[in-house]
Amino acid sequence: MNYVFPPDVDCRVKRQLETGSYHSEDDVLRAAMTALEHEHDDLEGIQAGVADMEAGRFRPFSEIDAAFRLKHNIPAKS
């Protein structure tokens, strides 16, 4: 698939190519798409966490802290 980037995007792609981190425009595009997918996944996770909190599906930090310390044999705070 051939695609002509808008001038501003073309400039940004060329700057990335100049770093030597990418061998082609396709590599830059793949990296950008991967970053977008990770961002989307992160946002979905955050939204799910907020929904869980709003629905009362959470444990107090003190409970999580105590379980973590017990599992890793870390003394309780003084």
C-alpha atoms as a PDB file:
ATOM      1  CA  MET A   1       0.000   0.000   0.000  1.00  0.00           C
ATOM      2  CA  ASN A   2       1.455   3.325  -1.031  1.00  0.00           C
ATOM      3  CA  TYR A   3       0.598   6.300   1.094  1.00  0.00           C
ATOM      4  CA  VAL A   4       1.677   9.919   0.769  1.00  0.00           C
ATOM      5  CA  PHE A   5       2.132  11.460   4.205  1.00  0.00           C
ATOM      6  CA  PRO A   6       0.946  15.012   4.795  1.00  0.00           C
ATOM      7  CA  PRO A   7       3.950  17.400   4.861  1.00  0.00           C
ATOM      8  CA  ASP A   8       4.062  17.713   8.666  1.00  0.00           C
ATOM      9  CA  VAL A   9       3.957  13.933   9.143  1.00  0.00           C
ATOM     10  CA  ASP A  10       6.492  13.374   6.366  1.00  0.00           C
ATOM     11  CA  CYS A  11       8.904  15.712   8.157  1.00  0.00           C
ATOM     12  CA  ARG A  12       8.458  13.830  11.425  1.00  0.00           C
ATOM     13  CA  VAL A  13       8.954  10.460   9.722  1.00  0.00           C
ATOM     14  CA  LYS A  14      12.144  11.706   8.046  1.00  0.00           C
ATOM     15  CA  ARG A  15      13.462  12.953  11.401  1.00  0.00           C
ATOM     16  CA  GLN A  16      12.904   9.481  12.839  1.00  0.00           C
ATOM     17  CA  LEU A  17      14.697   7.897   9.901  1.00  0.00           C
ATOM     18  CA  GLU A  18      17.640  10.262  10.427  1.00  0.00           C
ATOM     19  CA  THR A  19      18.140   8.914  13.946  1.00  0.00           C
ATOM     20  CA  GLY A  20      19.127   5.571  12.461  1.00  0.00           C
ATOM     21  CA  SER A  21      16.659   3.741  14.704  1.00  0.00           C
ATOM     22  CA  TYR A  22      14.462   2.850  11.739  1.00  0.00           C
ATOM     23  CA  HIS A  23      15.382   1.477   8.334  1.00  0.00           C
ATOM     24  CA  SER A  24      12.268   2.529   6.428  1.00  0.00           C
ATOM     25  CA  GLU A  25       9.063   4.515   6.592  1.00  0.00           C
ATOM     26  CA  ASP A  26       7.291   1.198   7.135  1.00  0.00           C
ATOM     27  CA  ASP A  27       9.346   0.637  10.297  1.00  0.00           C
ATOM     28  CA  VAL A  28       8.415   4.097  11.598  1.00  0.00           C
ATOM     29  CA  LEU A  29       4.751   3.429  10.852  1.00  0.00           C
ATOM     30  CA  ARG A  30       4.876   0.025  12.577  1.00  0.00           C
ATOM     31  CA  ALA A  31       6.439   1.598  15.684  1.00  0.00           C
ATOM     32  CA  ALA A  32       3.836   4.367  15.701  1.00  0.00           C
ATOM     33  CA  MET A  33       0.981   1.876  15.384  1.00  0.00           C
ATOM     34  CA  THR A  34       2.432  -0.270  18.167  1.00  0.00           C
ATOM     35  CA  ALA A  35       2.666   2.795  20.412  1.00  0.00           C
ATOM     36  CA  LEU A  36      -0.951   3.716  19.632  1.00  0.00           C
ATOM     37  CA  GLU A  37      -2.106   0.188  20.398  1.00  0.00           C
ATOM     38  CA  HIS A  38      -0.246   0.204  23.738  1.00  0.00           C
ATOM     39  CA  GLU A  39      -1.759   3.590  24.587  1.00  0.00           C
ATOM     40  CA  HIS A  40      -5.233   2.275  23.758  1.00  0.00           C
ATOM     41  CA  ASP A  41      -4.694  -0.829  25.916  1.00  0.00           C
ATOM     42  CA  ASP A  42      -3.410   1.316  28.803  1.00  0.00           C
ATOM     43  CA  LEU A  43      -6.434   3.613  28.616  1.00  0.00           C
ATOM     44  CA  GLU A  44      -8.808   0.641  28.565  1.00  0.00           C
ATOM     45  CA  GLY A  45      -7.097  -0.748  31.665  1.00  0.00           C
ATOM     46  CA  ILE A  46      -7.348   2.567  33.473  1.00  0.00           C
ATOM     47  CA  GLN A  47     -11.022   2.911  32.541  1.00  0.00           C
ATOM     48  CA  ALA A  48     -11.694  -0.626  33.807  1.00  0.00           C
ATOM     49  CA  GLY A  49      -9.932   0.209  37.072  1.00  0.00           C
ATOM     50  CA  VAL A  50     -11.970   3.366  37.544  1.00  0.00           C
ATOM     51  CA  ALA A  51     -15.171   1.432  36.814  1.00  0.00           C
ATOM     52  CA  ASP A  52     -14.171  -1.198  39.393  1.00  0.00           C
ATOM     53  CA  MET A  53     -13.516   1.472  42.021  1.00  0.00           C
ATOM     54  CA  GLU A  54     -16.815   3.195  41.304  1.00  0.00           C
ATOM     55  CA  ALA A  55     -18.599  -0.151  41.633  1.00  0.00           C
ATOM     56  CA  GLY A  56     -16.899  -0.851  44.961  1.00  0.00           C
ATOM     57  CA  ARG A  57     -14.669  -3.625  43.597  1.00  0.00           C
ATOM     58  CA  PHE A  58     -11.424  -2.815  45.355  1.00  0.00           C
ATOM     59  CA  ARG A  59      -9.414  -3.655  48.476  1.00  0.00           C
ATOM     60  CA  PRO A  60      -7.968  -1.099  50.875  1.00  0.00           C
ATOM     61  CA  PHE A  61      -4.243  -0.466  50.442  1.00  0.00           C
ATOM     62  CA  SER A  62      -3.555  -1.573  54.014  1.00  0.00           C
ATOM     63  CA  GLU A  63      -4.905  -5.038  53.163  1.00  0.00           C
ATOM     64  CA  ILE A  64      -2.799  -5.302  49.999  1.00  0.00           C
ATOM     65  CA  ASP A  65       0.270  -4.007  51.851  1.00  0.00           C
ATOM     66  CA  ALA A  66      -0.133  -6.564  54.642  1.00  0.00           C
ATOM     67  CA  ALA A  67      -0.513  -9.446  52.166  1.00  0.00           C
ATOM     68  CA  PHE A  68       2.536  -8.299  50.164  1.00  0.00           C
ATOM     69  CA  ARG A  69       4.671  -7.981  53.296  1.00  0.00           C
ATOM     70  CA  LEU A  70       3.593 -11.409  54.507  1.00  0.00           C
ATOM     71  CA  LYS A  71       4.306 -13.032  51.121  1.00  0.00           C
ATOM     72  CA  HIS A  72       7.766 -11.460  50.873  1.00  0.00           C
ATOM     73  CA  ASN A  73       8.662 -11.757  54.571  1.00  0.00           C
ATOM     74  CA  ILE A  74       8.901  -7.984  55.025  1.00  0.00           C
ATOM     75  CA  PRO A  75       8.340  -6.737  58.569  1.00  0.00           C
ATOM     76  CA  ALA A  76       5.306  -4.596  59.255  1.00  0.00           C
ATOM     77  CA  LYS A  77       5.884  -0.862  59.474  1.00  0.00           C
ATOM     78  CA  SER A  78       6.615   0.448  62.952  1.00  0.00           C
END
